[in-house]
Amino acid sequence: MTHPFRTTAPFRSYTGKQKNDYHEYKNQLASDFHHRCGYTDCQDHWFGGQRTFQIDHLQPWSKYPDRKNDYSNLVYCCSYVNRAKSNDDSPNYLDPCDNDYNNHFFRDKDGCIHGKTEQGKYMAKQLCLSLRRYAIMWNLDRLEERIDRIRQISEQRPELKPILSELLLLYFDYIHSLRLHQ
């Protein structure tokens, strides 16, 4: 069984004047990318929040200095893939805002990311997208969604509350403690 890579695609909404330092776009990028890595779709809170995420240049600014502060060239991403990509300017890198990653990647039954197309396979290999950490985070997100649904159901079925209460409290306490340290 395979799963789609992502449910919500990132987009770039900034239309203002180009800024002098691409770091000034970080808040806007975080919002446009739904606080998720453009390449792995992992939420930034699993890495310590927005402060730990980086800004990748789809076309490396070391090779394309005129694109250094071009918002359309920036990708909100985790440090792991940003470092793995480094200055690689292969045409195989797909802009996460201009391409439906579900057409190029899929997740296996465990949540590991795999490429479907030539570009997807290239990116998966170069960016180490098959690392278990990304599957674990994806599964934790899915677990959180299901627990939240169960919590909603238990509000209508009081007999389920004692059974689910401890699980929910432990999980949400853990998530809360993660987000407090961001």
N, C-alpha and C. Protein backbone atom coordinates (compact mmCIF):
# COMPACT_ATOMS: atom_id res chain seq x y z
N MET A 1 0.84 -1.19 0.00
CA MET A 1 0.00 0.00 0.00
C MET A 1 0.88 1.24 0.00
N THR A 2 0.50 2.21 -0.80
CA THR A 2 1.23 3.47 -0.84
C THR A 2 0.31 4.60 -0.39
N HIS A 3 0.94 5.69 0.01
CA HIS A 3 0.22 6.86 0.50
C HIS A 3 0.70 8.09 -0.27
N PRO A 4 -0.17 9.08 -0.42
CA PRO A 4 0.27 10.32 -1.07
C PRO A 4 1.40 10.96 -0.27
N PHE A 5 2.22 11.70 -0.95
CA PHE A 5 3.34 12.38 -0.31
C PHE A 5 2.87 13.48 0.63
N ARG A 6 1.94 14.30 0.17
CA ARG A 6 1.45 15.41 1.01
C ARG A 6 -0.02 15.67 0.71
N THR A 7 -0.69 16.32 1.67
CA THR A 7 -2.10 16.65 1.47
C THR A 7 -2.31 18.12 1.12
N THR A 8 -1.40 18.99 1.55
CA THR A 8 -1.53 20.42 1.27
C THR A 8 -0.23 20.92 0.64
N ALA A 9 -0.35 21.45 -0.54
CA ALA A 9 0.83 21.94 -1.26
C ALA A 9 1.24 23.33 -0.77
N PRO A 10 2.54 23.59 -0.73
CA PRO A 10 3.00 24.94 -0.39
C PRO A 10 2.75 25.89 -1.57
N PHE A 11 2.84 27.17 -1.29
CA PHE A 11 2.67 28.19 -2.33
C PHE A 11 3.49 29.40 -1.92
N ARG A 12 3.73 30.28 -2.83
CA ARG A 12 4.44 31.51 -2.51
C ARG A 12 3.48 32.68 -2.71
N SER A 13 3.24 33.41 -1.64
CA SER A 13 2.26 34.49 -1.70
C SER A 13 2.89 35.88 -1.69
N TYR A 14 4.17 35.97 -1.40
CA TYR A 14 4.79 37.29 -1.29
C TYR A 14 4.86 37.97 -2.65
N THR A 15 4.33 39.18 -2.72
CA THR A 15 4.34 39.93 -3.98
C THR A 15 4.94 41.33 -3.80
N GLY A 16 5.47 41.58 -2.63
CA GLY A 16 6.03 42.90 -2.35
C GLY A 16 7.38 43.11 -3.01
N LYS A 17 7.99 44.21 -2.65
CA LYS A 17 9.30 44.57 -3.17
C LYS A 17 10.34 43.55 -2.69
N GLN A 18 11.29 43.23 -3.55
CA GLN A 18 12.34 42.28 -3.18
C GLN A 18 13.16 42.85 -2.01
N LYS A 19 13.38 42.01 -1.03
CA LYS A 19 14.12 42.43 0.16
C LYS A 19 15.62 42.29 -0.10
N ASN A 20 16.42 42.97 0.73
CA ASN A 20 17.87 42.95 0.56
C ASN A 20 18.53 41.73 1.18
N ASP A 21 17.80 41.02 2.03
CA ASP A 21 18.35 39.84 2.70
C ASP A 21 17.27 38.76 2.71
N TYR A 22 17.56 37.62 2.11
CA TYR A 22 16.55 36.56 2.00
C TYR A 22 16.08 36.05 3.36
N HIS A 23 16.85 36.24 4.41
CA HIS A 23 16.43 35.81 5.75
C HIS A 23 15.18 36.56 6.21
N GLU A 24 14.97 37.76 5.68
CA GLU A 24 13.81 38.56 6.05
C GLU A 24 12.49 37.93 5.58
N TYR A 25 12.57 36.94 4.70
CA TYR A 25 11.38 36.25 4.20
C TYR A 25 10.97 35.05 5.06
N LYS A 26 11.73 34.72 6.07
CA LYS A 26 11.51 33.45 6.77
C LYS A 26 10.10 33.31 7.33
N ASN A 27 9.56 34.33 7.97
CA ASN A 27 8.19 34.23 8.50
C ASN A 27 7.18 33.97 7.39
N GLN A 28 7.32 34.67 6.27
CA GLN A 28 6.40 34.50 5.15
C GLN A 28 6.56 33.10 4.55
N LEU A 29 7.80 32.64 4.40
CA LEU A 29 8.03 31.29 3.88
C LEU A 29 7.42 30.23 4.79
N ALA A 30 7.62 30.38 6.10
CA ALA A 30 7.06 29.41 7.05
C ALA A 30 5.55 29.33 6.87
N SER A 31 4.91 30.46 6.72
CA SER A 31 3.45 30.49 6.52
C SER A 31 3.07 29.86 5.18
N ASP A 32 3.74 30.26 4.12
CA ASP A 32 3.42 29.74 2.78
C ASP A 32 3.66 28.23 2.67
N PHE A 33 4.62 27.73 3.42
CA PHE A 33 4.94 26.30 3.38
C PHE A 33 4.23 25.54 4.51
N HIS A 34 3.28 26.20 5.18
CA HIS A 34 2.47 25.59 6.24
C HIS A 34 3.34 25.02 7.36
N HIS A 35 4.45 25.69 7.63
CA HIS A 35 5.41 25.26 8.66
C HIS A 35 5.90 23.84 8.40
N ARG A 36 6.06 23.50 7.12
CA ARG A 36 6.52 22.17 6.73
C ARG A 36 7.71 22.31 5.77
N CYS A 37 8.59 21.34 5.84
CA CYS A 37 9.72 21.30 4.92
C CYS A 37 9.19 21.14 3.50
N GLY A 38 9.64 21.98 2.60
CA GLY A 38 9.21 21.90 1.22
C GLY A 38 9.59 20.60 0.54
N TYR A 39 10.62 19.94 1.03
CA TYR A 39 11.10 18.71 0.39
C TYR A 39 10.63 17.43 1.08
N THR A 40 10.43 17.46 2.41
CA THR A 40 10.04 16.24 3.13
C THR A 40 8.61 16.29 3.63
N ASP A 41 8.02 17.46 3.69
CA ASP A 41 6.67 17.71 4.20
C ASP A 41 6.58 17.49 5.71
N CYS A 42 7.70 17.45 6.41
CA CYS A 42 7.70 17.30 7.88
C CYS A 42 7.43 18.66 8.52
N GLN A 43 6.63 18.66 9.59
CA GLN A 43 6.33 19.89 10.31
C GLN A 43 7.58 20.40 11.02
N ASP A 44 7.74 21.71 11.03
CA ASP A 44 8.94 22.28 11.63
C ASP A 44 9.02 22.06 13.15
N HIS A 45 7.87 21.84 13.80
CA HIS A 45 7.92 21.66 15.26
C HIS A 45 8.66 20.39 15.65
N TRP A 46 8.72 19.38 14.75
CA TRP A 46 9.48 18.16 15.07
C TRP A 46 10.97 18.43 15.13
N PHE A 47 11.43 19.53 14.55
CA PHE A 47 12.85 19.87 14.52
C PHE A 47 13.20 20.97 15.53
N GLY A 48 12.20 21.47 16.23
CA GLY A 48 12.44 22.55 17.17
C GLY A 48 11.81 23.86 16.75
N GLY A 49 11.00 23.84 15.71
CA GLY A 49 10.27 25.03 15.29
C GLY A 49 10.95 25.82 14.19
N GLN A 50 10.35 26.95 13.89
CA GLN A 50 10.80 27.81 12.80
C GLN A 50 12.25 28.25 12.96
N ARG A 51 12.69 28.45 14.19
CA ARG A 51 14.05 28.93 14.39
C ARG A 51 15.10 27.94 13.89
N THR A 52 14.75 26.66 13.82
CA THR A 52 15.72 25.65 13.37
C THR A 52 15.64 25.37 11.88
N PHE A 53 14.57 25.82 11.24
CA PHE A 53 14.43 25.59 9.81
C PHE A 53 15.29 26.58 9.02
N GLN A 54 15.60 26.20 7.81
CA GLN A 54 16.47 27.01 6.98
C GLN A 54 15.76 27.41 5.69
N ILE A 55 16.44 28.22 4.92
CA ILE A 55 15.93 28.67 3.62
C ILE A 55 16.88 28.15 2.56
N ASP A 56 16.34 27.30 1.69
CA ASP A 56 17.13 26.79 0.57
C ASP A 56 16.91 27.68 -0.63
N HIS A 57 17.92 27.76 -1.45
CA HIS A 57 17.82 28.43 -2.75
C HIS A 57 17.71 27.32 -3.79
N LEU A 58 16.56 27.22 -4.42
CA LEU A 58 16.36 26.19 -5.43
C LEU A 58 17.51 26.23 -6.43
N GLN A 59 17.79 27.38 -6.95
CA GLN A 59 19.00 27.58 -7.73
C GLN A 59 20.01 28.22 -6.77
N PRO A 60 21.10 27.51 -6.45
CA PRO A 60 22.05 28.00 -5.44
C PRO A 60 22.54 29.42 -5.75
N TRP A 61 22.51 30.27 -4.73
CA TRP A 61 22.92 31.65 -4.95
C TRP A 61 24.41 31.75 -5.22
N SER A 62 25.19 30.72 -4.85
CA SER A 62 26.63 30.75 -5.16
C SER A 62 26.85 30.66 -6.67
N LYS A 63 25.89 30.07 -7.38
CA LYS A 63 25.99 29.93 -8.84
C LYS A 63 25.08 30.91 -9.57
N TYR A 64 24.06 31.39 -8.87
CA TYR A 64 23.10 32.34 -9.45
C TYR A 64 22.92 33.50 -8.48
N PRO A 65 23.93 34.35 -8.33
CA PRO A 65 23.86 35.42 -7.32
C PRO A 65 22.68 36.37 -7.50
N ASP A 66 22.18 36.52 -8.73
CA ASP A 66 21.04 37.41 -8.96
C ASP A 66 19.75 36.84 -8.39
N ARG A 67 19.74 35.56 -8.00
CA ARG A 67 18.53 34.92 -7.45
C ARG A 67 18.60 34.80 -5.91
N LYS A 68 19.64 35.33 -5.31
CA LYS A 68 19.86 35.18 -3.86
C LYS A 68 18.66 35.65 -3.04
N ASN A 69 18.08 36.77 -3.38
CA ASN A 69 16.97 37.34 -2.61
C ASN A 69 15.65 37.29 -3.37
N ASP A 70 15.58 36.43 -4.36
CA ASP A 70 14.37 36.26 -5.18
C ASP A 70 13.44 35.28 -4.47
N TYR A 71 12.29 35.78 -4.00
CA TYR A 71 11.36 34.95 -3.23
C TYR A 71 10.94 33.70 -3.98
N SER A 72 10.82 33.78 -5.28
CA SER A 72 10.39 32.62 -6.08
C SER A 72 11.45 31.53 -6.15
N ASN A 73 12.64 31.80 -5.64
CA ASN A 73 13.73 30.83 -5.65
C ASN A 73 13.96 30.22 -4.26
N LEU A 74 13.15 30.60 -3.29
CA LEU A 74 13.38 30.18 -1.90
C LEU A 74 12.44 29.05 -1.49
N VAL A 75 12.99 28.13 -0.70
CA VAL A 75 12.23 26.98 -0.20
C VAL A 75 12.48 26.87 1.30
N TYR A 76 11.40 26.86 2.07
CA TYR A 76 11.46 26.64 3.52
C TYR A 76 11.74 25.15 3.73
N CYS A 77 12.81 24.84 4.46
CA CYS A 77 13.16 23.42 4.59
C CYS A 77 13.95 23.15 5.87
N CYS A 78 14.01 21.87 6.20
CA CYS A 78 14.80 21.43 7.35
C CYS A 78 16.28 21.50 6.99
N SER A 79 17.10 21.59 8.00
CA SER A 79 18.54 21.72 7.77
C SER A 79 19.14 20.49 7.11
N TYR A 80 18.56 19.32 7.35
CA TYR A 80 19.12 18.09 6.79
C TYR A 80 19.10 18.10 5.27
N VAL A 81 17.96 18.43 4.68
CA VAL A 81 17.90 18.44 3.22
C VAL A 81 18.62 19.66 2.65
N ASN A 82 18.60 20.77 3.36
CA ASN A 82 19.30 21.95 2.87
C ASN A 82 20.79 21.66 2.75
N ARG A 83 21.34 21.00 3.74
CA ARG A 83 22.76 20.65 3.69
C ARG A 83 23.04 19.58 2.64
N ALA A 84 22.12 18.62 2.50
CA ALA A 84 22.32 17.56 1.52
C ALA A 84 22.28 18.14 0.09
N LYS A 85 21.41 19.10 -0.14
CA LYS A 85 21.31 19.71 -1.47
C LYS A 85 22.49 20.63 -1.74
N SER A 86 22.87 21.40 -0.75
CA SER A 86 24.01 22.30 -0.82
C SER A 86 23.98 23.12 -2.10
N ASN A 87 25.01 23.05 -2.90
CA ASN A 87 25.12 23.85 -4.13
C ASN A 87 24.77 23.07 -5.39
N ASP A 88 24.11 21.94 -5.22
CA ASP A 88 23.70 21.13 -6.37
C ASP A 88 22.63 21.89 -7.15
N ASP A 89 22.90 22.17 -8.40
CA ASP A 89 21.91 22.90 -9.21
C ASP A 89 21.36 22.04 -10.35
N SER A 90 21.24 20.76 -10.09
CA SER A 90 20.69 19.85 -11.09
C SER A 90 19.30 20.30 -11.51
N PRO A 91 18.97 20.14 -12.79
CA PRO A 91 17.61 20.47 -13.24
C PRO A 91 16.58 19.46 -12.71
N ASN A 92 17.04 18.41 -12.03
CA ASN A 92 16.12 17.42 -11.47
C ASN A 92 15.41 17.90 -10.21
N TYR A 93 15.86 19.01 -9.62
CA TYR A 93 15.18 19.52 -8.42
C TYR A 93 13.88 20.19 -8.83
N LEU A 94 12.81 19.71 -8.25
CA LEU A 94 11.47 20.23 -8.55
C LEU A 94 11.06 21.26 -7.52
N ASP A 95 10.60 22.38 -7.99
CA ASP A 95 10.11 23.42 -7.10
C ASP A 95 8.86 22.89 -6.40
N PRO A 96 8.86 22.83 -5.07
CA PRO A 96 7.70 22.29 -4.35
C PRO A 96 6.43 23.12 -4.50
N CYS A 97 6.56 24.35 -4.95
CA CYS A 97 5.38 25.20 -5.15
C CYS A 97 4.83 25.10 -6.57
N ASP A 98 5.65 24.70 -7.50
CA ASP A 98 5.23 24.64 -8.90
C ASP A 98 4.95 23.23 -9.40
N ASN A 99 5.22 22.24 -8.58
CA ASN A 99 5.04 20.84 -8.97
C ASN A 99 4.24 20.10 -7.91
N ASP A 100 3.35 19.25 -8.35
CA ASP A 100 2.60 18.40 -7.43
C ASP A 100 3.51 17.24 -7.03
N TYR A 101 4.04 17.31 -5.84
CA TYR A 101 4.97 16.27 -5.38
C TYR A 101 4.30 14.89 -5.31
N ASN A 102 2.99 14.84 -5.24
CA ASN A 102 2.31 13.55 -5.25
C ASN A 102 2.50 12.83 -6.58
N ASN A 103 2.82 13.57 -7.63
CA ASN A 103 3.10 12.95 -8.93
C ASN A 103 4.53 12.42 -9.02
N HIS A 104 5.40 12.87 -8.13
CA HIS A 104 6.82 12.52 -8.20
C HIS A 104 7.32 11.67 -7.04
N PHE A 105 6.55 11.64 -5.95
CA PHE A 105 6.94 10.90 -4.74
C PHE A 105 5.74 10.15 -4.18
N PHE A 106 6.03 9.13 -3.40
CA PHE A 106 4.99 8.44 -2.63
C PHE A 106 5.61 7.97 -1.33
N ARG A 107 4.75 7.62 -0.41
CA ARG A 107 5.19 7.05 0.86
C ARG A 107 4.74 5.59 0.88
N ASP A 108 5.66 4.72 1.33
CA ASP A 108 5.30 3.31 1.43
C ASP A 108 4.46 3.08 2.68
N LYS A 109 4.12 1.83 2.98
CA LYS A 109 3.24 1.52 4.11
C LYS A 109 3.80 2.00 5.44
N ASP A 110 5.12 2.16 5.53
CA ASP A 110 5.75 2.63 6.75
C ASP A 110 5.93 4.15 6.78
N GLY A 111 5.67 4.81 5.66
CA GLY A 111 5.81 6.26 5.59
C GLY A 111 7.10 6.73 4.96
N CYS A 112 7.96 5.80 4.52
CA CYS A 112 9.22 6.19 3.88
C CYS A 112 8.94 6.80 2.51
N ILE A 113 9.70 7.82 2.17
CA ILE A 113 9.52 8.55 0.92
C ILE A 113 10.32 7.87 -0.20
N HIS A 114 9.67 7.71 -1.36
CA HIS A 114 10.31 7.13 -2.54
C HIS A 114 9.96 7.98 -3.75
N GLY A 115 10.87 8.00 -4.72
CA GLY A 115 10.61 8.71 -5.96
C GLY A 115 9.84 7.85 -6.94
N LYS A 116 8.96 8.49 -7.70
CA LYS A 116 8.20 7.81 -8.76
C LYS A 116 8.82 8.09 -10.13
N THR A 117 9.23 9.33 -10.32
CA THR A 117 9.73 9.79 -11.61
C THR A 117 11.25 9.92 -11.55
N GLU A 118 11.85 10.21 -12.69
CA GLU A 118 13.30 10.40 -12.72
C GLU A 118 13.72 11.50 -11.75
N GLN A 119 12.99 12.64 -11.78
CA GLN A 119 13.31 13.75 -10.87
C GLN A 119 13.08 13.34 -9.42
N GLY A 120 11.98 12.66 -9.15
CA GLY A 120 11.69 12.23 -7.79
C GLY A 120 12.74 11.28 -7.26
N LYS A 121 13.18 10.34 -8.08
CA LYS A 121 14.22 9.39 -7.66
C LYS A 121 15.55 10.10 -7.42
N TYR A 122 15.87 11.05 -8.28
CA TYR A 122 17.10 11.82 -8.09
C TYR A 122 17.07 12.57 -6.77
N MET A 123 15.95 13.29 -6.54
CA MET A 123 15.83 14.07 -5.31
C MET A 123 15.83 13.17 -4.08
N ALA A 124 15.11 12.05 -4.14
CA ALA A 124 15.06 11.14 -2.99
C ALA A 124 16.46 10.65 -2.63
N LYS A 125 17.26 10.35 -3.64
CA LYS A 125 18.62 9.88 -3.38
C LYS A 125 19.52 11.00 -2.86
N GLN A 126 19.53 12.14 -3.56
CA GLN A 126 20.42 13.24 -3.20
C GLN A 126 20.08 13.85 -1.84
N LEU A 127 18.79 13.94 -1.54
CA LEU A 127 18.36 14.59 -0.29
C LEU A 127 18.13 13.59 0.84
N CYS A 128 18.40 12.33 0.58
CA CYS A 128 18.24 11.27 1.60
C CYS A 128 16.82 11.25 2.15
N LEU A 129 15.84 11.36 1.26
CA LEU A 129 14.45 11.44 1.69
C LEU A 129 13.93 10.13 2.28
N SER A 130 14.64 9.04 2.07
CA SER A 130 14.18 7.76 2.60
C SER A 130 14.62 7.53 4.05
N LEU A 131 15.24 8.51 4.67
CA LEU A 131 15.64 8.35 6.08
C LEU A 131 14.41 8.10 6.95
N ARG A 132 14.56 7.23 7.92
CA ARG A 132 13.45 6.85 8.80
C ARG A 132 12.88 8.04 9.57
N ARG A 133 13.70 9.03 9.84
CA ARG A 133 13.21 10.18 10.64
C ARG A 133 11.99 10.81 9.97
N TYR A 134 11.98 10.89 8.63
CA TYR A 134 10.86 11.50 7.94
C TYR A 134 9.62 10.61 8.02
N ALA A 135 9.81 9.31 7.98
CA ALA A 135 8.68 8.38 8.13
C ALA A 135 8.12 8.45 9.55
N ILE A 136 9.00 8.54 10.53
CA ILE A 136 8.55 8.61 11.93
C ILE A 136 7.71 9.88 12.15
N MET A 137 8.19 11.00 11.64
CA MET A 137 7.45 12.25 11.82
C MET A 137 6.11 12.19 11.11
N TRP A 138 6.08 11.62 9.92
CA TRP A 138 4.83 11.47 9.17
C TRP A 138 3.84 10.61 9.95
N ASN A 139 4.34 9.52 10.52
CA ASN A 139 3.47 8.64 11.31
C ASN A 139 2.99 9.32 12.58
N LEU A 140 3.83 10.11 13.21
CA LEU A 140 3.40 10.86 14.39
C LEU A 140 2.30 11.86 14.03
N ASP A 141 2.43 12.51 12.89
CA ASP A 141 1.37 13.42 12.43
C ASP A 141 0.06 12.67 12.22
N ARG A 142 0.14 11.51 11.59
CA ARG A 142 -1.06 10.70 11.35
C ARG A 142 -1.66 10.24 12.67
N LEU A 143 -0.83 9.86 13.60
CA LEU A 143 -1.30 9.42 14.91
C LEU A 143 -2.02 10.57 15.62
N GLU A 144 -1.43 11.75 15.56
CA GLU A 144 -2.05 12.92 16.19
C GLU A 144 -3.43 13.20 15.59
N GLU A 145 -3.55 13.10 14.27
CA GLU A 145 -4.84 13.32 13.62
C GLU A 145 -5.87 12.30 14.10
N ARG A 146 -5.47 11.05 14.20
CA ARG A 146 -6.40 10.00 14.62
C ARG A 146 -6.79 10.15 16.09
N ILE A 147 -5.84 10.50 16.91
CA ILE A 147 -6.15 10.70 18.33
C ILE A 147 -7.13 11.86 18.47
N ASP A 148 -6.93 12.90 17.69
CA ASP A 148 -7.85 14.03 17.76
C ASP A 148 -9.26 13.61 17.33
N ARG A 149 -9.37 12.78 16.30
CA ARG A 149 -10.68 12.27 15.89
C ARG A 149 -11.31 11.42 16.98
N ILE A 150 -10.51 10.57 17.61
CA ILE A 150 -11.02 9.72 18.70
C ILE A 150 -11.49 10.60 19.86
N ARG A 151 -10.74 11.64 20.14
CA ARG A 151 -11.13 12.55 21.22
C ARG A 151 -12.49 13.16 20.92
N GLN A 152 -12.70 13.56 19.67
CA GLN A 152 -13.99 14.14 19.28
C GLN A 152 -15.12 13.12 19.42
N ILE A 153 -14.87 11.88 19.02
CA ILE A 153 -15.88 10.83 19.13
C ILE A 153 -16.20 10.54 20.60
N SER A 154 -15.17 10.54 21.43
CA SER A 154 -15.39 10.22 22.84
C SER A 154 -16.25 11.26 23.54
N GLU A 155 -16.36 12.44 22.98
CA GLU A 155 -17.23 13.46 23.56
C GLU A 155 -18.71 13.07 23.41
N GLN A 156 -19.03 12.31 22.37
CA GLN A 156 -20.40 11.83 22.19
C GLN A 156 -20.62 10.45 22.81
N ARG A 157 -19.54 9.74 23.09
CA ARG A 157 -19.65 8.39 23.66
C ARG A 157 -18.87 8.34 24.97
N PRO A 158 -19.48 8.78 26.04
CA PRO A 158 -18.80 8.89 27.34
C PRO A 158 -18.14 7.60 27.82
N GLU A 159 -18.67 6.44 27.42
CA GLU A 159 -18.08 5.18 27.87
C GLU A 159 -16.66 4.97 27.33
N LEU A 160 -16.28 5.71 26.28
CA LEU A 160 -14.94 5.60 25.72
C LEU A 160 -13.92 6.48 26.44
N LYS A 161 -14.41 7.47 27.15
CA LYS A 161 -13.51 8.44 27.77
C LYS A 161 -12.48 7.80 28.70
N PRO A 162 -12.85 6.92 29.61
CA PRO A 162 -11.83 6.35 30.49
C PRO A 162 -10.76 5.55 29.73
N ILE A 163 -11.17 4.88 28.67
CA ILE A 163 -10.23 4.07 27.88
C ILE A 163 -9.25 4.96 27.14
N LEU A 164 -9.73 6.06 26.60
CA LEU A 164 -8.91 6.93 25.77
C LEU A 164 -8.19 8.03 26.55
N SER A 165 -8.69 8.32 27.70
CA SER A 165 -8.18 9.45 28.47
C SER A 165 -6.67 9.39 28.69
N GLU A 166 -6.18 8.29 29.18
CA GLU A 166 -4.75 8.19 29.48
C GLU A 166 -3.91 8.32 28.22
N LEU A 167 -4.33 7.65 27.15
CA LEU A 167 -3.60 7.74 25.89
C LEU A 167 -3.54 9.16 25.39
N LEU A 168 -4.66 9.82 25.39
CA LEU A 168 -4.70 11.19 24.90
C LEU A 168 -3.85 12.12 25.75
N LEU A 169 -3.95 11.99 27.05
CA LEU A 169 -3.18 12.86 27.93
C LEU A 169 -1.68 12.66 27.75
N LEU A 170 -1.26 11.42 27.68
CA LEU A 170 0.17 11.16 27.48
C LEU A 170 0.67 11.71 26.15
N TYR A 171 -0.10 11.47 25.11
CA TYR A 171 0.33 11.94 23.80
C TYR A 171 0.37 13.47 23.73
N PHE A 172 -0.69 14.13 24.15
CA PHE A 172 -0.73 15.58 24.06
C PHE A 172 0.25 16.24 25.03
N ASP A 173 0.51 15.63 26.17
CA ASP A 173 1.55 16.15 27.06
C ASP A 173 2.91 16.11 26.37
N TYR A 174 3.17 15.01 25.66
CA TYR A 174 4.43 14.88 24.94
C TYR A 174 4.54 15.94 23.84
N ILE A 175 3.49 16.09 23.05
CA ILE A 175 3.49 17.08 21.97
C ILE A 175 3.64 18.49 22.54
N HIS A 176 2.92 18.77 23.60
CA HIS A 176 3.00 20.09 24.23
C HIS A 176 4.42 20.37 24.71
N SER A 177 5.06 19.39 25.33
CA SER A 177 6.43 19.60 25.81
C SER A 177 7.39 19.83 24.65
N LEU A 178 7.17 19.18 23.52
CA LEU A 178 8.01 19.43 22.33
C LEU A 178 7.88 20.87 21.87
N ARG A 179 6.66 21.35 21.81
CA ARG A 179 6.42 22.69 21.29
C ARG A 179 6.85 23.77 22.25
N LEU A 180 6.86 23.48 23.54
CA LEU A 180 7.32 24.46 24.53
C LEU A 180 8.80 24.78 24.39
N HIS A 181 9.56 23.84 23.89
CA HIS A 181 11.01 24.00 23.81
C HIS A 181 11.47 24.52 22.45
N GLN A 182 10.55 25.11 21.71
CA GLN A 182 10.91 25.63 20.38
C GLN A 182 11.39 27.06 20.48
